[in-house]
């Protein structure tokens, strides 16, 4: 569920062509009914990208990703302290749970347990 920038959405900054790599995370966000928008960012600092995405998101939640790593950030946390970090080697269930939890942060409901 991609949306335009006028709709409140989780902002996702990608480094390189990595959105397909993290499809399970996107499906987890979609399962919770929260819109997201994907934008290319040329910085290689995934944590900083996630924090910048959170600052641009009206929902205060942002994601930064590269082919190897995905980070979920919340605007009210320090830039250097992301909420979740996920490496590509982790299984599909862990990736989907991270997506669910990013959306649940927006909703203000308890997180799902993540198994890696």
N, C-alpha and C. Protein backbone atom coordinates (compact mmCIF):
# COMPACT_ATOMS: atom_id res chain seq x y z
N UNK A 1 0.84 -1.17 0.00
CA UNK A 1 0.00 0.00 0.00
C UNK A 1 0.89 1.24 0.00
N UNK A 2 1.26 1.71 -1.14
CA UNK A 2 2.02 2.95 -1.21
C UNK A 2 1.04 4.10 -1.26
N UNK A 3 1.45 5.23 -0.78
CA UNK A 3 0.55 6.38 -0.79
C UNK A 3 1.30 7.60 -1.26
N UNK A 4 0.58 8.67 -1.54
CA UNK A 4 1.26 9.90 -1.91
C UNK A 4 1.69 10.64 -0.65
N UNK A 5 2.49 11.68 -0.82
CA UNK A 5 3.05 12.37 0.33
C UNK A 5 2.05 13.20 1.11
N UNK A 6 0.86 13.41 0.59
CA UNK A 6 -0.16 14.18 1.31
C UNK A 6 -0.91 13.34 2.34
N UNK A 7 -0.79 12.04 2.27
CA UNK A 7 -1.47 11.14 3.19
C UNK A 7 -0.56 10.82 4.36
N UNK A 8 -1.06 10.83 5.60
CA UNK A 8 -0.22 10.39 6.71
C UNK A 8 0.25 8.96 6.46
N UNK A 9 1.57 8.77 6.53
CA UNK A 9 2.13 7.46 6.20
C UNK A 9 3.48 7.28 6.87
N UNK A 10 3.87 6.03 7.03
CA UNK A 10 5.23 5.70 7.44
C UNK A 10 6.12 6.01 6.23
N UNK A 11 7.18 6.76 6.44
CA UNK A 11 8.11 7.08 5.37
C UNK A 11 9.25 6.06 5.40
N UNK A 12 9.58 5.53 4.23
CA UNK A 12 10.66 4.55 4.09
C UNK A 12 11.70 5.11 3.15
N UNK A 13 12.92 5.30 3.65
CA UNK A 13 14.05 5.75 2.83
C UNK A 13 14.88 4.54 2.45
N UNK A 14 15.01 4.29 1.18
CA UNK A 14 15.80 3.16 0.70
C UNK A 14 17.14 3.65 0.16
N UNK A 15 18.15 2.82 0.34
CA UNK A 15 19.47 3.06 -0.24
C UNK A 15 19.65 2.01 -1.31
N UNK A 16 19.69 2.44 -2.55
CA UNK A 16 19.75 1.47 -3.64
C UNK A 16 18.39 0.85 -3.85
N UNK A 17 18.35 -0.12 -4.70
CA UNK A 17 17.10 -0.80 -5.03
C UNK A 17 16.87 -1.94 -4.05
N UNK A 18 16.32 -1.62 -2.87
CA UNK A 18 16.20 -2.65 -1.84
C UNK A 18 14.77 -2.90 -1.37
N UNK A 19 13.79 -2.21 -1.93
CA UNK A 19 12.41 -2.37 -1.45
C UNK A 19 11.92 -3.80 -1.61
N UNK A 20 12.25 -4.46 -2.71
CA UNK A 20 11.83 -5.85 -2.90
C UNK A 20 12.48 -6.79 -1.89
N UNK A 21 13.69 -6.45 -1.47
CA UNK A 21 14.41 -7.26 -0.48
C UNK A 21 13.63 -7.35 0.82
N UNK A 22 12.93 -6.28 1.18
CA UNK A 22 12.22 -6.18 2.45
C UNK A 22 10.71 -6.28 2.28
N UNK A 23 10.25 -6.99 1.26
CA UNK A 23 8.83 -7.11 0.99
C UNK A 23 8.02 -7.63 2.19
N UNK A 24 8.61 -8.54 2.98
CA UNK A 24 7.89 -9.06 4.15
C UNK A 24 7.61 -7.97 5.17
N UNK A 25 8.52 -7.02 5.32
CA UNK A 25 8.30 -5.89 6.23
C UNK A 25 7.13 -5.04 5.72
N UNK A 26 7.12 -4.78 4.42
CA UNK A 26 6.04 -3.99 3.83
C UNK A 26 4.70 -4.69 4.00
N UNK A 27 4.70 -6.01 3.83
CA UNK A 27 3.45 -6.77 4.03
C UNK A 27 2.99 -6.69 5.48
N UNK A 28 3.93 -6.68 6.42
CA UNK A 28 3.57 -6.56 7.84
C UNK A 28 2.93 -5.21 8.14
N UNK A 29 3.45 -4.15 7.53
CA UNK A 29 2.85 -2.82 7.71
C UNK A 29 1.45 -2.81 7.10
N UNK A 30 1.34 -3.36 5.91
CA UNK A 30 0.06 -3.39 5.20
C UNK A 30 -0.99 -4.19 5.98
N UNK A 31 -0.57 -5.30 6.60
CA UNK A 31 -1.50 -6.13 7.41
C UNK A 31 -2.16 -5.31 8.51
N UNK A 32 -1.43 -4.35 9.05
CA UNK A 32 -1.96 -3.53 10.14
C UNK A 32 -2.75 -2.33 9.62
N UNK A 33 -2.81 -2.16 8.30
CA UNK A 33 -3.64 -1.11 7.71
C UNK A 33 -3.05 0.29 7.75
N UNK A 34 -1.73 0.39 7.88
CA UNK A 34 -1.08 1.70 7.92
C UNK A 34 -0.43 1.96 6.55
N UNK A 35 -0.67 3.12 5.95
CA UNK A 35 -0.04 3.43 4.66
C UNK A 35 1.45 3.72 4.82
N UNK A 36 2.18 3.52 3.73
CA UNK A 36 3.59 3.85 3.70
C UNK A 36 3.94 4.42 2.34
N UNK A 37 5.03 5.17 2.32
CA UNK A 37 5.54 5.74 1.08
C UNK A 37 7.05 5.45 1.04
N UNK A 38 7.53 5.05 -0.13
CA UNK A 38 8.94 4.69 -0.31
C UNK A 38 9.62 5.78 -1.11
N UNK A 39 10.77 6.23 -0.61
CA UNK A 39 11.57 7.24 -1.29
C UNK A 39 13.02 6.79 -1.33
N UNK A 40 13.69 7.09 -2.42
CA UNK A 40 15.12 6.80 -2.57
C UNK A 40 15.92 7.85 -1.80
N UNK A 41 16.94 7.40 -1.08
CA UNK A 41 17.85 8.30 -0.37
C UNK A 41 19.25 7.82 -0.67
N UNK A 42 20.16 8.73 -0.97
CA UNK A 42 21.50 8.32 -1.41
C UNK A 42 22.50 8.18 -0.28
N UNK A 43 22.12 8.47 0.94
CA UNK A 43 23.02 8.28 2.07
C UNK A 43 23.10 6.79 2.41
N UNK A 44 24.28 6.33 2.78
CA UNK A 44 24.47 4.92 3.13
C UNK A 44 24.23 4.67 4.62
N UNK A 45 23.97 5.72 5.41
CA UNK A 45 23.76 5.57 6.85
C UNK A 45 22.29 5.21 7.11
N UNK A 46 22.03 3.93 7.27
CA UNK A 46 20.66 3.43 7.39
C UNK A 46 19.97 3.97 8.65
N UNK A 47 20.70 4.04 9.75
CA UNK A 47 20.11 4.55 11.00
C UNK A 47 19.70 6.02 10.83
N UNK A 48 20.57 6.81 10.26
CA UNK A 48 20.26 8.23 10.05
C UNK A 48 19.10 8.38 9.06
N UNK A 49 19.09 7.56 8.02
CA UNK A 49 17.98 7.60 7.06
C UNK A 49 16.65 7.29 7.75
N UNK A 50 16.66 6.31 8.65
CA UNK A 50 15.42 5.95 9.36
C UNK A 50 14.94 7.11 10.22
N UNK A 51 15.87 7.78 10.89
CA UNK A 51 15.49 8.90 11.75
C UNK A 51 14.98 10.07 10.90
N UNK A 52 15.65 10.36 9.77
CA UNK A 52 15.17 11.41 8.87
C UNK A 52 13.77 11.08 8.34
N UNK A 53 13.55 9.81 8.01
CA UNK A 53 12.23 9.38 7.54
C UNK A 53 11.18 9.59 8.62
N UNK A 54 11.52 9.27 9.87
CA UNK A 54 10.59 9.48 10.98
C UNK A 54 10.27 10.96 11.16
N UNK A 55 11.26 11.81 10.94
CA UNK A 55 11.04 13.26 11.06
C UNK A 55 10.14 13.78 9.95
N UNK A 56 10.17 13.15 8.78
CA UNK A 56 9.32 13.57 7.66
C UNK A 56 7.92 12.96 7.72
N UNK A 57 7.78 11.88 8.47
CA UNK A 57 6.49 11.19 8.53
C UNK A 57 5.53 11.90 9.48
N UNK A 58 4.31 12.21 9.03
CA UNK A 58 3.32 12.77 9.94
C UNK A 58 2.97 11.79 11.07
N UNK A 59 3.28 10.51 10.86
CA UNK A 59 2.99 9.48 11.87
C UNK A 59 4.16 9.28 12.82
N UNK A 60 5.28 9.99 12.60
CA UNK A 60 6.47 9.98 13.46
C UNK A 60 7.26 8.67 13.42
N UNK A 61 6.96 7.80 12.47
CA UNK A 61 7.66 6.53 12.33
C UNK A 61 8.32 6.48 10.96
N UNK A 62 9.60 6.13 10.95
CA UNK A 62 10.33 6.04 9.70
C UNK A 62 11.16 4.78 9.63
N UNK A 63 11.46 4.37 8.42
CA UNK A 63 12.27 3.18 8.17
C UNK A 63 13.37 3.55 7.21
N UNK A 64 14.56 3.05 7.47
CA UNK A 64 15.67 3.18 6.55
C UNK A 64 16.14 1.78 6.21
N UNK A 65 16.50 1.54 4.95
CA UNK A 65 16.95 0.20 4.60
C UNK A 65 17.98 0.22 3.48
N UNK A 66 18.83 -0.77 3.55
CA UNK A 66 19.77 -1.09 2.47
C UNK A 66 19.51 -2.56 2.16
N UNK A 67 20.28 -3.15 1.29
CA UNK A 67 20.08 -4.58 0.99
C UNK A 67 20.37 -5.47 2.20
N UNK A 68 21.23 -5.03 3.10
CA UNK A 68 21.65 -5.86 4.23
C UNK A 68 20.94 -5.56 5.54
N UNK A 69 20.41 -4.35 5.69
CA UNK A 69 19.94 -3.91 7.00
C UNK A 69 18.70 -3.04 6.87
N UNK A 70 17.79 -3.19 7.85
CA UNK A 70 16.59 -2.37 7.93
C UNK A 70 16.48 -1.84 9.36
N UNK A 71 16.14 -0.56 9.49
CA UNK A 71 16.03 0.08 10.80
C UNK A 71 14.69 0.79 10.88
N UNK A 72 13.99 0.60 12.01
CA UNK A 72 12.75 1.33 12.29
C UNK A 72 13.08 2.37 13.36
N UNK A 73 12.67 3.61 13.11
CA UNK A 73 12.97 4.69 14.05
C UNK A 73 11.69 5.43 14.42
N UNK A 74 11.72 6.05 15.57
CA UNK A 74 10.62 6.88 16.06
C UNK A 74 11.17 8.28 16.28
N UNK A 75 10.47 9.28 15.82
CA UNK A 75 10.97 10.66 15.84
C UNK A 75 11.37 11.13 17.24
N UNK A 76 10.69 10.68 18.27
CA UNK A 76 10.96 11.16 19.62
C UNK A 76 12.13 10.46 20.30
N UNK A 77 12.78 9.54 19.61
CA UNK A 77 13.99 8.89 20.15
C UNK A 77 15.22 9.64 19.65
N UNK A 78 16.34 9.53 20.37
CA UNK A 78 17.57 10.13 19.86
C UNK A 78 17.93 9.53 18.50
N UNK A 79 18.52 10.35 17.63
CA UNK A 79 18.85 9.89 16.27
C UNK A 79 19.71 8.64 16.28
N UNK A 80 20.55 8.48 17.28
CA UNK A 80 21.47 7.34 17.33
C UNK A 80 20.87 6.10 18.00
N UNK A 81 19.59 6.16 18.40
CA UNK A 81 18.98 5.05 19.14
C UNK A 81 17.71 4.55 18.46
N UNK A 82 17.85 3.77 17.36
CA UNK A 82 16.65 3.28 16.66
C UNK A 82 15.87 2.29 17.51
N UNK A 83 14.63 2.13 17.15
CA UNK A 83 13.74 1.22 17.88
C UNK A 83 14.01 -0.25 17.54
N UNK A 84 14.11 -0.57 16.25
CA UNK A 84 14.37 -1.94 15.80
C UNK A 84 15.43 -1.93 14.71
N UNK A 85 16.29 -2.93 14.75
CA UNK A 85 17.27 -3.15 13.69
C UNK A 85 17.15 -4.60 13.24
N UNK A 86 17.13 -4.80 11.95
CA UNK A 86 16.93 -6.13 11.38
C UNK A 86 17.97 -6.36 10.30
N UNK A 87 18.64 -7.49 10.35
CA UNK A 87 19.59 -7.87 9.32
C UNK A 87 18.90 -8.80 8.33
N UNK A 88 19.33 -8.78 7.08
CA UNK A 88 18.66 -9.55 6.05
C UNK A 88 18.61 -11.04 6.34
N UNK A 89 19.62 -11.58 7.04
CA UNK A 89 19.67 -13.02 7.31
C UNK A 89 18.50 -13.50 8.18
N UNK A 90 17.84 -12.59 8.88
CA UNK A 90 16.75 -13.01 9.75
C UNK A 90 15.58 -13.52 8.90
N UNK A 91 14.81 -14.42 9.48
CA UNK A 91 13.78 -15.13 8.71
C UNK A 91 12.59 -14.24 8.35
N UNK A 92 11.75 -14.78 7.47
CA UNK A 92 10.58 -14.04 6.96
C UNK A 92 9.64 -13.63 8.08
N UNK A 93 9.49 -14.49 9.10
CA UNK A 93 8.59 -14.16 10.21
C UNK A 93 9.11 -12.94 10.97
N UNK A 94 10.41 -12.87 11.21
CA UNK A 94 10.99 -11.72 11.91
C UNK A 94 10.80 -10.45 11.09
N UNK A 95 10.99 -10.56 9.77
CA UNK A 95 10.81 -9.39 8.91
C UNK A 95 9.36 -8.90 8.93
N UNK A 96 8.43 -9.83 8.85
CA UNK A 96 7.01 -9.44 8.86
C UNK A 96 6.62 -8.84 10.21
N UNK A 97 7.14 -9.41 11.30
CA UNK A 97 6.85 -8.89 12.64
C UNK A 97 7.36 -7.46 12.81
N UNK A 98 8.53 -7.16 12.25
CA UNK A 98 9.06 -5.80 12.32
C UNK A 98 8.11 -4.83 11.61
N UNK A 99 7.58 -5.24 10.47
CA UNK A 99 6.59 -4.41 9.77
C UNK A 99 5.33 -4.22 10.60
N UNK A 100 4.85 -5.32 11.19
CA UNK A 100 3.68 -5.23 12.07
C UNK A 100 3.95 -4.24 13.20
N UNK A 101 5.14 -4.35 13.81
CA UNK A 101 5.47 -3.51 14.97
C UNK A 101 5.65 -2.05 14.61
N UNK A 102 6.18 -1.76 13.43
CA UNK A 102 6.28 -0.37 12.99
C UNK A 102 4.88 0.24 12.89
N UNK A 103 3.95 -0.53 12.33
CA UNK A 103 2.56 -0.06 12.21
C UNK A 103 1.88 0.02 13.57
N UNK A 104 2.18 -0.92 14.45
CA UNK A 104 1.59 -0.92 15.78
C UNK A 104 2.07 0.27 16.61
N UNK A 105 3.29 0.72 16.35
CA UNK A 105 3.79 1.93 17.01
C UNK A 105 2.90 3.11 16.64
N UNK A 106 2.54 3.20 15.37
CA UNK A 106 1.64 4.26 14.92
C UNK A 106 0.29 4.16 15.63
N UNK A 107 -0.22 2.95 15.75
CA UNK A 107 -1.54 2.73 16.36
C UNK A 107 -1.53 2.87 17.87
N UNK A 108 -0.33 2.77 18.48
CA UNK A 108 -0.24 2.83 19.94
C UNK A 108 -0.70 1.56 20.62
N UNK A 109 -0.51 0.42 19.96
CA UNK A 109 -0.89 -0.87 20.56
C UNK A 109 0.37 -1.70 20.79
N UNK A 110 0.31 -2.71 21.67
CA UNK A 110 1.51 -3.49 22.01
C UNK A 110 2.15 -4.16 20.79
N UNK A 111 3.45 -4.29 20.85
CA UNK A 111 4.22 -4.93 19.79
C UNK A 111 4.00 -6.44 19.78
N UNK A 112 4.19 -7.03 18.61
CA UNK A 112 4.22 -8.48 18.48
C UNK A 112 5.62 -8.95 18.83
N UNK A 113 5.72 -10.13 19.39
CA UNK A 113 7.04 -10.69 19.70
C UNK A 113 7.73 -11.06 18.41
N UNK A 114 9.01 -10.70 18.31
CA UNK A 114 9.81 -11.02 17.13
C UNK A 114 10.74 -12.18 17.43
N UNK A 115 10.73 -13.17 16.59
CA UNK A 115 11.65 -14.31 16.71
C UNK A 115 12.60 -14.24 15.54
N UNK A 116 13.87 -14.38 15.81
CA UNK A 116 14.83 -14.36 14.71
C UNK A 116 15.59 -15.66 14.65
